[in-house]
Amino acid sequence: MLKKKVMQITEEQDQTLHRLHQVTRIPMNVLLREALDDLFIKYRHLLEEQPKRKERKR
């Protein structure tokens, strides 16, 4: 299931995304999802770490 998200990008990012879309004919939303997947791969090591639990004072 796809969910809508709102995000802000710079004018340069918008122009580059639009140019890439024109050259590849790949929809911009698909390009953005692919970019997110690449970002998740880059930071996979952080996502796989177990969150540290705060110890409670007694």
PDB file of N, CA and C in Angstrom:
ATOM      1  N   MET A   1       0.842  -1.174   0.000  1.00  0.00           N
ATOM      2  CA  MET A   1       0.000   0.000   0.000  1.00  0.00           C
ATOM      3  C   MET A   1       0.892   1.244   0.000  1.00  0.00           C
ATOM      4  N   LEU A   2       0.593   2.152  -0.877  1.00  0.00           N
ATOM      5  CA  LEU A   2       1.357   3.393  -0.958  1.00  0.00           C
ATOM      6  C   LEU A   2       0.742   4.443  -0.050  1.00  0.00           C
ATOM      7  N   LYS A   3       1.589   5.222   0.594  1.00  0.00           N
ATOM      8  CA  LYS A   3       1.134   6.318   1.450  1.00  0.00           C
ATOM      9  C   LYS A   3       1.676   7.619   0.898  1.00  0.00           C
ATOM     10  N   LYS A   4       0.891   8.663   1.023  1.00  0.00           N
ATOM     11  CA  LYS A   4       1.326   9.982   0.569  1.00  0.00           C
ATOM     12  C   LYS A   4       2.128  10.659   1.666  1.00  0.00           C
ATOM     13  N   LYS A   5       3.203  11.299   1.263  1.00  0.00           N
ATOM     14  CA  LYS A   5       4.036  12.091   2.165  1.00  0.00           C
ATOM     15  C   LYS A   5       4.305  13.428   1.497  1.00  0.00           C
ATOM     16  N   VAL A   6       4.429  14.455   2.293  1.00  0.00           N
ATOM     17  CA  VAL A   6       4.762  15.783   1.785  1.00  0.00           C
ATOM     18  C   VAL A   6       6.201  16.062   2.182  1.00  0.00           C
ATOM     19  N   MET A   7       6.978  16.568   1.224  1.00  0.00           N
ATOM     20  CA  MET A   7       8.372  16.872   1.522  1.00  0.00           C
ATOM     21  C   MET A   7       8.773  18.147   0.811  1.00  0.00           C
ATOM     22  N   GLN A   8       9.805  18.756   1.313  1.00  0.00           N
ATOM     23  CA  GLN A   8      10.321  19.973   0.695  1.00  0.00           C
ATOM     24  C   GLN A   8      11.671  19.662   0.079  1.00  0.00           C
ATOM     25  N   ILE A   9      11.860  20.133  -1.157  1.00  0.00           N
ATOM     26  CA  ILE A   9      13.141  19.971  -1.834  1.00  0.00           C
ATOM     27  C   ILE A   9      13.562  21.330  -2.372  1.00  0.00           C
ATOM     28  N   THR A  10      14.847  21.453  -2.629  1.00  0.00           N
ATOM     29  CA  THR A  10      15.354  22.719  -3.151  1.00  0.00           C
ATOM     30  C   THR A  10      14.954  22.871  -4.616  1.00  0.00           C
ATOM     31  N   GLU A  11      15.060  24.074  -5.107  1.00  0.00           N
ATOM     32  CA  GLU A  11      14.757  24.342  -6.516  1.00  0.00           C
ATOM     33  C   GLU A  11      15.672  23.515  -7.414  1.00  0.00           C
ATOM     34  N   GLU A  12      16.949  23.430  -7.041  1.00  0.00           N
ATOM     35  CA  GLU A  12      17.908  22.650  -7.835  1.00  0.00           C
ATOM     36  C   GLU A  12      17.536  21.164  -7.848  1.00  0.00           C
ATOM     37  N   GLN A  13      17.136  20.628  -6.693  1.00  0.00           N
ATOM     38  CA  GLN A  13      16.712  19.229  -6.634  1.00  0.00           C
ATOM     39  C   GLN A  13      15.481  19.002  -7.504  1.00  0.00           C
ATOM     40  N   ASP A  14      14.559  19.942  -7.475  1.00  0.00           N
ATOM     41  CA  ASP A  14      13.345  19.839  -8.285  1.00  0.00           C
ATOM     42  C   ASP A  14      13.683  19.833  -9.772  1.00  0.00           C
ATOM     43  N   GLN A  15      14.560  20.732 -10.183  1.00  0.00           N
ATOM     44  CA  GLN A  15      14.938  20.807 -11.597  1.00  0.00           C
ATOM     45  C   GLN A  15      15.677  19.543 -12.036  1.00  0.00           C
ATOM     46  N   THR A  16      16.560  19.054 -11.181  1.00  0.00           N
ATOM     47  CA  THR A  16      17.321  17.848 -11.518  1.00  0.00           C
ATOM     48  C   THR A  16      16.399  16.635 -11.598  1.00  0.00           C
ATOM     49  N   LEU A  17      15.485  16.530 -10.658  1.00  0.00           N
ATOM     50  CA  LEU A  17      14.514  15.437 -10.677  1.00  0.00           C
ATOM     51  C   LEU A  17      13.673  15.488 -11.948  1.00  0.00           C
ATOM     52  N   HIS A  18      13.233  16.670 -12.311  1.00  0.00           N
ATOM     53  CA  HIS A  18      12.420  16.837 -13.519  1.00  0.00           C
ATOM     54  C   HIS A  18      13.220  16.460 -14.771  1.00  0.00           C
ATOM     55  N   ARG A  19      14.486  16.879 -14.827  1.00  0.00           N
ATOM     56  CA  ARG A  19      15.332  16.522 -15.983  1.00  0.00           C
ATOM     57  C   ARG A  19      15.538  15.013 -16.068  1.00  0.00           C
ATOM     58  N   LEU A  20      15.784  14.385 -14.917  1.00  0.00           N
ATOM     59  CA  LEU A  20      15.968  12.940 -14.899  1.00  0.00           C
ATOM     60  C   LEU A  20      14.702  12.233 -15.376  1.00  0.00           C
ATOM     61  N   HIS A  21      13.561  12.724 -14.940  1.00  0.00           N
ATOM     62  CA  HIS A  21      12.278  12.175 -15.391  1.00  0.00           C
ATOM     63  C   HIS A  21      12.131  12.313 -16.908  1.00  0.00           C
ATOM     64  N   GLN A  22      12.492  13.465 -17.445  1.00  0.00           N
ATOM     65  CA  GLN A  22      12.363  13.691 -18.886  1.00  0.00           C
ATOM     66  C   GLN A  22      13.267  12.754 -19.682  1.00  0.00           C
ATOM     67  N   VAL A  23      14.474  12.546 -19.186  1.00  0.00           N
ATOM     68  CA  VAL A  23      15.438  11.703 -19.905  1.00  0.00           C
ATOM     69  C   VAL A  23      15.058  10.224 -19.816  1.00  0.00           C
ATOM     70  N   THR A  24      14.659   9.785 -18.625  1.00  0.00           N
ATOM     71  CA  THR A  24      14.401   8.358 -18.403  1.00  0.00           C
ATOM     72  C   THR A  24      12.952   7.960 -18.639  1.00  0.00           C
ATOM     73  N   ARG A  25      12.055   8.932 -18.581  1.00  0.00           N
ATOM     74  CA  ARG A  25      10.606   8.695 -18.663  1.00  0.00           C
ATOM     75  C   ARG A  25      10.095   7.871 -17.477  1.00  0.00           C
ATOM     76  N   ILE A  26      10.890   7.800 -16.429  1.00  0.00           N
ATOM     77  CA  ILE A  26      10.473   7.140 -15.194  1.00  0.00           C
ATOM     78  C   ILE A  26       9.713   8.170 -14.370  1.00  0.00           C
ATOM     79  N   PRO A  27       8.524   7.826 -13.865  1.00  0.00           N
ATOM     80  CA  PRO A  27       7.766   8.782 -13.058  1.00  0.00           C
ATOM     81  C   PRO A  27       8.583   9.281 -11.861  1.00  0.00           C
ATOM     82  N   MET A  28       8.398  10.549 -11.530  1.00  0.00           N
ATOM     83  CA  MET A  28       9.176  11.154 -10.448  1.00  0.00           C
ATOM     84  C   MET A  28       8.940  10.453  -9.118  1.00  0.00           C
ATOM     85  N   ASN A  29       7.717   9.996  -8.865  1.00  0.00           N
ATOM     86  CA  ASN A  29       7.466   9.310  -7.595  1.00  0.00           C
ATOM     87  C   ASN A  29       8.243   7.992  -7.522  1.00  0.00           C
ATOM     88  N   VAL A  30       8.435   7.339  -8.642  1.00  0.00           N
ATOM     89  CA  VAL A  30       9.225   6.106  -8.668  1.00  0.00           C
ATOM     90  C   VAL A  30      10.699   6.430  -8.411  1.00  0.00           C
ATOM     91  N   LEU A  31      11.192   7.499  -9.018  1.00  0.00           N
ATOM     92  CA  LEU A  31      12.577   7.919  -8.786  1.00  0.00           C
ATOM     93  C   LEU A  31      12.810   8.243  -7.312  1.00  0.00           C
ATOM     94  N   LEU A  32      11.857   8.921  -6.696  1.00  0.00           N
ATOM     95  CA  LEU A  32      12.002   9.276  -5.279  1.00  0.00           C
ATOM     96  C   LEU A  32      11.958   8.041  -4.385  1.00  0.00           C
ATOM     97  N   ARG A  33      11.092   7.076  -4.700  1.00  0.00           N
ATOM     98  CA  ARG A  33      11.056   5.842  -3.904  1.00  0.00           C
ATOM     99  C   ARG A  33      12.370   5.075  -4.041  1.00  0.00           C
ATOM    100  N   GLU A  34      12.933   5.059  -5.251  1.00  0.00           N
ATOM    101  CA  GLU A  34      14.219   4.398  -5.461  1.00  0.00           C
ATOM    102  C   GLU A  34      15.318   5.095  -4.658  1.00  0.00           C
ATOM    103  N   ALA A  35      15.281   6.421  -4.623  1.00  0.00           N
ATOM    104  CA  ALA A  35      16.268   7.180  -3.845  1.00  0.00           C
ATOM    105  C   ALA A  35      16.141   6.857  -2.355  1.00  0.00           C
ATOM    106  N   LEU A  36      14.911   6.724  -1.863  1.00  0.00           N
ATOM    107  CA  LEU A  36      14.711   6.359  -0.457  1.00  0.00           C
ATOM    108  C   LEU A  36      15.264   4.966  -0.176  1.00  0.00           C
ATOM    109  N   ASP A  37      15.022   4.031  -1.086  1.00  0.00           N
ATOM    110  CA  ASP A  37      15.564   2.682  -0.909  1.00  0.00           C
ATOM    111  C   ASP A  37      17.086   2.723  -0.810  1.00  0.00           C
ATOM    112  N   ASP A  38      17.724   3.526  -1.668  1.00  0.00           N
ATOM    113  CA  ASP A  38      19.186   3.667  -1.624  1.00  0.00           C
ATOM    114  C   ASP A  38      19.636   4.264  -0.288  1.00  0.00           C
ATOM    115  N   LEU A  39      18.886   5.226   0.221  1.00  0.00           N
ATOM    116  CA  LEU A  39      19.212   5.844   1.504  1.00  0.00           C
ATOM    117  C   LEU A  39      19.096   4.834   2.644  1.00  0.00           C
ATOM    118  N   PHE A  40      18.065   3.999   2.603  1.00  0.00           N
ATOM    119  CA  PHE A  40      17.890   2.979   3.639  1.00  0.00           C
ATOM    120  C   PHE A  40      19.029   1.961   3.603  1.00  0.00           C
ATOM    121  N   ILE A  41      19.508   1.632   2.408  1.00  0.00           N
ATOM    122  CA  ILE A  41      20.650   0.725   2.288  1.00  0.00           C
ATOM    123  C   ILE A  41      21.893   1.375   2.890  1.00  0.00           C
ATOM    124  N   LYS A  42      22.093   2.652   2.590  1.00  0.00           N
ATOM    125  CA  LYS A  42      23.260   3.372   3.105  1.00  0.00           C
ATOM    126  C   LYS A  42      23.293   3.362   4.631  1.00  0.00           C
ATOM    127  N   TYR A  43      22.146   3.517   5.270  1.00  0.00           N
ATOM    128  CA  TYR A  43      22.079   3.607   6.726  1.00  0.00           C
ATOM    129  C   TYR A  43      21.557   2.325   7.376  1.00  0.00           C
ATOM    130  N   ARG A  44      21.632   1.218   6.657  1.00  0.00           N
ATOM    131  CA  ARG A  44      21.130  -0.061   7.171  1.00  0.00           C
ATOM    132  C   ARG A  44      21.760  -0.409   8.515  1.00  0.00           C
ATOM    133  N   HIS A  45      23.054  -0.124   8.658  1.00  0.00           N
ATOM    134  CA  HIS A  45      23.743  -0.465   9.910  1.00  0.00           C
ATOM    135  C   HIS A  45      23.105   0.238  11.108  1.00  0.00           C
ATOM    136  N   LEU A  46      22.582   1.419  10.921  1.00  0.00           N
ATOM    137  CA  LEU A  46      21.918   2.129  12.019  1.00  0.00           C
ATOM    138  C   LEU A  46      20.540   1.548  12.301  1.00  0.00           C
ATOM    139  N   LEU A  47      19.874   1.094  11.259  1.00  0.00           N
ATOM    140  CA  LEU A  47      18.536   0.535  11.428  1.00  0.00           C
ATOM    141  C   LEU A  47      18.583  -0.843  12.080  1.00  0.00           C
ATOM    142  N   GLU A  48      19.696  -1.546  11.910  1.00  0.00           N
ATOM    143  CA  GLU A  48      19.823  -2.892  12.460  1.00  0.00           C
ATOM    144  C   GLU A  48      20.275  -2.892  13.912  1.00  0.00           C
ATOM    145  N   GLU A  49      20.806  -1.762  14.379  1.00  0.00           N
ATOM    146  CA  GLU A  49      21.242  -1.685  15.774  1.00  0.00           C
ATOM    147  C   GLU A  49      20.042  -1.762  16.695  1.00  0.00           C
ATOM    148  N   GLN A  50      20.251  -2.396  17.824  1.00  0.00           N
ATOM    149  CA  GLN A  50      19.202  -2.459  18.828  1.00  0.00           C
ATOM    150  C   GLN A  50      19.157  -1.131  19.579  1.00  0.00           C
ATOM    151  N   PRO A  51      17.991  -0.570  19.753  1.00  0.00           N
ATOM    152  CA  PRO A  51      17.923   0.687  20.506  1.00  0.00           C
ATOM    153  C   PRO A  51      18.371   0.471  21.951  1.00  0.00           C
ATOM    154  N   LYS A  52      19.114   1.437  22.464  1.00  0.00           N
ATOM    155  CA  LYS A  52      19.589   1.347  23.842  1.00  0.00           C
ATOM    156  C   LYS A  52      18.444   1.727  24.773  1.00  0.00           C
ATOM    157  N   ARG A  53      18.270   0.918  25.790  1.00  0.00           N
ATOM    158  CA  ARG A  53      17.214   1.183  26.759  1.00  0.00           C
ATOM    159  C   ARG A  53      17.790   1.998  27.905  1.00  0.00           C
ATOM    160  N   LYS A  54      17.059   2.977  28.307  1.00  0.00           N
ATOM    161  CA  LYS A  54      17.487   3.780  29.448  1.00  0.00           C
ATOM    162  C   LYS A  54      17.218   2.997  30.726  1.00  0.00           C
ATOM    163  N   GLU A  55      18.214   3.024  31.594  1.00  0.00           N
ATOM    164  CA  GLU A  55      18.044   2.346  32.871  1.00  0.00           C
ATOM    165  C   GLU A  55      17.239   3.242  33.797  1.00  0.00           C
ATOM    166  N   ARG A  56      16.341   2.633  34.522  1.00  0.00           N
ATOM    167  CA  ARG A  56      15.514   3.379  35.465  1.00  0.00           C
ATOM    168  C   ARG A  56      16.225   3.479  36.804  1.00  0.00           C
ATOM    169  N   LYS A  57      16.183   4.656  37.383  1.00  0.00           N
ATOM    170  CA  LYS A  57      16.762   4.841  38.716  1.00  0.00           C
ATOM    171  C   LYS A  57      15.761   4.337  39.741  1.00  0.00           C
ATOM    172  N   ARG A  58      16.299   3.673  40.748  1.00  0.00           N
ATOM    173  CA  ARG A  58      15.408   3.168  41.805  1.00  0.00           C
ATOM    174  C   ARG A  58      15.702   3.839  43.098  1.00  0.00           C
TER     175      ARG A  58
END
